[in-house]
């Protein structure tokens, strides 16, 4: 339905349209859904995209984790486990 949530629509016996919706993501520990959505929105706007999609959510979560979680390494990029050096 939307890039950041799944929805199911149905009509009750009296004709009322009902939507059941859930986010497609779980926020990182220490963050709220709103934290992720705000960051994803900023990423979307910076890229000039029309709507928040899964890639914006993934990038937002990655940024939030990188900012909030300490690391012993200054460079958090993936490494080659077979590299010699």
N, C-alpha and C. Protein backbone atom coordinates (compact mmCIF):
# COMPACT_ATOMS: atom_id res chain seq x y z
N UNK A 1 0.83 -1.19 0.00
CA UNK A 1 0.00 0.00 0.00
C UNK A 1 0.87 1.25 0.00
N UNK A 2 1.72 1.39 1.00
CA UNK A 2 2.65 2.51 1.07
C UNK A 2 4.05 1.95 1.23
N UNK A 3 5.04 2.78 0.99
CA UNK A 3 6.41 2.30 1.08
C UNK A 3 6.85 1.94 2.48
N UNK A 4 6.16 2.44 3.49
CA UNK A 4 6.60 2.21 4.87
C UNK A 4 5.61 1.40 5.69
N UNK A 5 4.48 1.03 5.10
CA UNK A 5 3.50 0.24 5.86
C UNK A 5 2.71 -0.68 4.94
N UNK A 6 2.18 -1.72 5.53
CA UNK A 6 1.27 -2.63 4.84
C UNK A 6 -0.13 -2.39 5.37
N UNK A 7 -1.11 -2.45 4.48
CA UNK A 7 -2.50 -2.22 4.88
C UNK A 7 -3.41 -3.28 4.29
N UNK A 8 -4.45 -3.60 5.03
CA UNK A 8 -5.52 -4.47 4.57
C UNK A 8 -6.81 -3.69 4.74
N UNK A 9 -7.61 -3.66 3.69
CA UNK A 9 -8.89 -2.95 3.73
C UNK A 9 -10.03 -3.95 3.64
N UNK A 10 -11.06 -3.71 4.40
CA UNK A 10 -12.28 -4.51 4.25
C UNK A 10 -13.47 -3.69 4.70
N UNK A 11 -14.64 -4.14 4.33
CA UNK A 11 -15.88 -3.45 4.66
C UNK A 11 -16.66 -4.29 5.65
N UNK A 12 -17.14 -3.65 6.71
CA UNK A 12 -17.93 -4.38 7.70
C UNK A 12 -19.36 -4.54 7.17
N UNK A 13 -20.20 -5.33 7.85
CA UNK A 13 -21.56 -5.59 7.36
C UNK A 13 -22.42 -4.33 7.17
N UNK A 14 -22.08 -3.24 7.86
CA UNK A 14 -22.86 -2.01 7.71
C UNK A 14 -22.28 -1.09 6.63
N UNK A 15 -21.22 -1.54 5.95
CA UNK A 15 -20.65 -0.76 4.86
C UNK A 15 -19.51 0.15 5.24
N UNK A 16 -19.06 0.10 6.50
CA UNK A 16 -17.96 0.94 6.95
C UNK A 16 -16.64 0.36 6.44
N UNK A 17 -15.84 1.19 5.78
CA UNK A 17 -14.53 0.76 5.29
C UNK A 17 -13.53 0.81 6.45
N UNK A 18 -12.84 -0.29 6.68
CA UNK A 18 -11.88 -0.40 7.78
C UNK A 18 -10.50 -0.71 7.20
N UNK A 19 -9.49 -0.04 7.73
CA UNK A 19 -8.11 -0.28 7.32
C UNK A 19 -7.33 -0.79 8.53
N UNK A 20 -6.66 -1.92 8.36
CA UNK A 20 -5.71 -2.41 9.36
C UNK A 20 -4.33 -2.15 8.77
N UNK A 21 -3.50 -1.44 9.50
CA UNK A 21 -2.19 -1.05 8.98
C UNK A 21 -1.10 -1.39 9.98
N UNK A 22 0.08 -1.73 9.45
CA UNK A 22 1.24 -1.97 10.32
C UNK A 22 2.50 -1.49 9.61
N UNK A 23 3.45 -1.01 10.40
CA UNK A 23 4.73 -0.59 9.83
C UNK A 23 5.46 -1.79 9.26
N UNK A 24 6.30 -1.56 8.27
CA UNK A 24 7.10 -2.62 7.66
C UNK A 24 8.44 -2.78 8.36
N UNK A 25 8.66 -2.08 9.45
CA UNK A 25 9.97 -2.10 10.10
C UNK A 25 9.80 -2.05 11.61
N UNK A 26 10.84 -2.49 12.28
CA UNK A 26 10.96 -2.34 13.73
C UNK A 26 12.08 -1.33 13.97
N UNK A 27 11.84 -0.31 14.76
CA UNK A 27 12.91 0.66 15.00
C UNK A 27 14.03 0.04 15.83
N UNK A 28 15.25 0.54 15.68
CA UNK A 28 16.36 0.04 16.50
C UNK A 28 16.09 0.31 17.98
N UNK A 29 16.75 -0.44 18.82
CA UNK A 29 16.61 -0.25 20.26
C UNK A 29 17.00 1.18 20.61
N UNK A 30 16.16 1.83 21.39
CA UNK A 30 16.41 3.20 21.79
C UNK A 30 15.84 4.24 20.85
N UNK A 31 15.22 3.80 19.77
CA UNK A 31 14.61 4.71 18.79
C UNK A 31 13.12 4.41 18.70
N UNK A 32 12.36 5.39 18.28
CA UNK A 32 10.93 5.20 18.08
C UNK A 32 10.63 5.08 16.58
N UNK A 33 9.40 4.68 16.27
CA UNK A 33 8.98 4.66 14.87
C UNK A 33 9.09 6.07 14.28
N UNK A 34 8.77 7.07 15.09
CA UNK A 34 8.84 8.46 14.62
C UNK A 34 10.28 8.85 14.27
N UNK A 35 11.26 8.40 15.06
CA UNK A 35 12.67 8.70 14.75
C UNK A 35 13.03 8.18 13.37
N UNK A 36 12.62 6.95 13.09
CA UNK A 36 12.92 6.34 11.79
C UNK A 36 12.20 7.07 10.67
N UNK A 37 10.92 7.39 10.87
CA UNK A 37 10.14 8.05 9.84
C UNK A 37 10.67 9.45 9.52
N UNK A 38 11.07 10.19 10.55
CA UNK A 38 11.61 11.54 10.33
C UNK A 38 12.91 11.46 9.52
N UNK A 39 13.79 10.54 9.91
CA UNK A 39 15.06 10.39 9.19
C UNK A 39 14.81 9.91 7.76
N UNK A 40 13.89 8.96 7.57
CA UNK A 40 13.57 8.46 6.23
C UNK A 40 12.99 9.57 5.36
N UNK A 41 12.17 10.42 5.95
CA UNK A 41 11.60 11.55 5.21
C UNK A 41 12.71 12.49 4.74
N UNK A 42 13.65 12.80 5.61
CA UNK A 42 14.75 13.70 5.23
C UNK A 42 15.60 13.09 4.12
N UNK A 43 15.83 11.79 4.20
CA UNK A 43 16.59 11.10 3.15
C UNK A 43 15.83 11.17 1.83
N UNK A 44 14.53 10.91 1.87
CA UNK A 44 13.69 10.95 0.67
C UNK A 44 13.74 12.33 0.03
N UNK A 45 13.57 13.38 0.83
CA UNK A 45 13.57 14.75 0.31
C UNK A 45 14.93 15.08 -0.31
N UNK A 46 16.01 14.70 0.36
CA UNK A 46 17.36 14.98 -0.15
C UNK A 46 17.60 14.30 -1.49
N UNK A 47 17.01 13.14 -1.70
CA UNK A 47 17.18 12.41 -2.96
C UNK A 47 16.17 12.82 -4.03
N UNK A 48 15.19 13.62 -3.64
CA UNK A 48 14.18 14.06 -4.59
C UNK A 48 13.16 13.00 -4.96
N UNK A 49 13.00 12.00 -4.11
CA UNK A 49 12.04 10.93 -4.38
C UNK A 49 10.62 11.36 -3.99
N UNK A 50 9.65 10.70 -4.60
CA UNK A 50 8.24 11.08 -4.42
C UNK A 50 7.68 10.67 -3.06
N UNK A 51 8.04 9.47 -2.59
CA UNK A 51 7.47 8.96 -1.34
C UNK A 51 8.52 8.12 -0.60
N UNK A 52 8.28 7.90 0.68
CA UNK A 52 9.17 7.07 1.48
C UNK A 52 9.00 5.62 1.02
N UNK A 53 10.12 4.98 0.73
CA UNK A 53 10.10 3.58 0.31
C UNK A 53 11.05 2.78 1.20
N UNK A 54 11.14 1.50 0.94
CA UNK A 54 11.92 0.60 1.80
C UNK A 54 13.39 1.01 1.88
N UNK A 55 13.96 1.49 0.78
CA UNK A 55 15.36 1.90 0.80
C UNK A 55 15.59 3.08 1.74
N UNK A 56 14.63 3.99 1.80
CA UNK A 56 14.76 5.13 2.71
C UNK A 56 14.71 4.66 4.17
N UNK A 57 13.83 3.71 4.45
CA UNK A 57 13.74 3.15 5.81
C UNK A 57 15.04 2.46 6.19
N UNK A 58 15.57 1.64 5.28
CA UNK A 58 16.81 0.91 5.57
C UNK A 58 17.96 1.88 5.83
N UNK A 59 18.07 2.90 5.00
CA UNK A 59 19.14 3.88 5.19
C UNK A 59 18.95 4.68 6.48
N UNK A 60 17.72 5.01 6.82
CA UNK A 60 17.43 5.74 8.06
C UNK A 60 17.81 4.90 9.27
N UNK A 61 17.44 3.63 9.27
CA UNK A 61 17.77 2.74 10.39
C UNK A 61 19.28 2.59 10.51
N UNK A 62 19.96 2.44 9.38
CA UNK A 62 21.42 2.31 9.40
C UNK A 62 22.06 3.56 10.00
N UNK A 63 21.59 4.74 9.62
CA UNK A 63 22.14 5.99 10.17
C UNK A 63 21.87 6.12 11.66
N UNK A 64 20.67 5.77 12.08
CA UNK A 64 20.33 5.88 13.50
C UNK A 64 21.19 4.94 14.34
N UNK A 65 21.40 3.72 13.87
CA UNK A 65 22.23 2.76 14.60
C UNK A 65 23.68 3.25 14.65
N UNK A 66 24.18 3.74 13.53
CA UNK A 66 25.58 4.21 13.49
C UNK A 66 25.80 5.37 14.45
N UNK A 67 24.80 6.24 14.60
CA UNK A 67 24.94 7.39 15.51
C UNK A 67 24.82 7.00 16.97
N UNK A 68 23.99 6.01 17.27
CA UNK A 68 23.67 5.69 18.66
C UNK A 68 24.52 4.57 19.25
N UNK A 69 25.15 3.77 18.40
CA UNK A 69 25.86 2.61 18.89
C UNK A 69 27.36 2.83 18.77
N UNK A 70 28.07 2.67 19.89
CA UNK A 70 29.52 2.82 19.89
C UNK A 70 30.17 1.68 19.12
N UNK A 71 31.36 1.95 18.61
CA UNK A 71 32.12 0.95 17.89
C UNK A 71 33.59 1.11 18.23
N UNK A 72 34.32 0.02 18.25
CA UNK A 72 35.76 0.07 18.48
C UNK A 72 36.50 0.48 17.22
N UNK A 73 35.82 0.45 16.10
CA UNK A 73 36.42 0.78 14.82
C UNK A 73 35.93 2.13 14.34
N UNK A 74 36.86 2.97 13.84
CA UNK A 74 36.44 4.26 13.28
C UNK A 74 35.74 4.08 11.95
N UNK A 75 36.16 3.07 11.19
CA UNK A 75 35.57 2.78 9.88
C UNK A 75 34.61 1.61 10.04
N UNK A 76 33.32 1.89 9.92
CA UNK A 76 32.30 0.85 10.12
C UNK A 76 31.93 0.13 8.84
N UNK A 77 32.65 0.40 7.76
CA UNK A 77 32.34 -0.23 6.47
C UNK A 77 32.68 -1.73 6.52
N UNK A 78 32.03 -2.53 5.66
CA UNK A 78 32.33 -3.96 5.62
C UNK A 78 33.79 -4.19 5.24
N UNK A 79 34.37 -5.22 5.77
CA UNK A 79 35.77 -5.55 5.52
C UNK A 79 35.88 -6.89 4.80
N UNK A 80 37.02 -7.08 4.13
CA UNK A 80 37.33 -8.36 3.49
C UNK A 80 37.98 -9.25 4.55
N UNK A 81 37.30 -10.33 4.96
CA UNK A 81 37.86 -11.16 6.02
C UNK A 81 39.11 -11.93 5.59
N UNK A 82 39.39 -11.98 4.28
CA UNK A 82 40.54 -12.73 3.79
C UNK A 82 41.71 -11.83 3.41
N UNK A 83 41.55 -10.53 3.59
CA UNK A 83 42.63 -9.59 3.25
C UNK A 83 43.79 -9.76 4.20
N UNK A 84 44.99 -9.65 3.66
CA UNK A 84 46.19 -9.74 4.50
C UNK A 84 46.71 -8.33 4.74
N UNK A 85 47.11 -8.10 5.92
CA UNK A 85 47.63 -6.76 6.14
C UNK A 85 47.76 -6.48 7.52
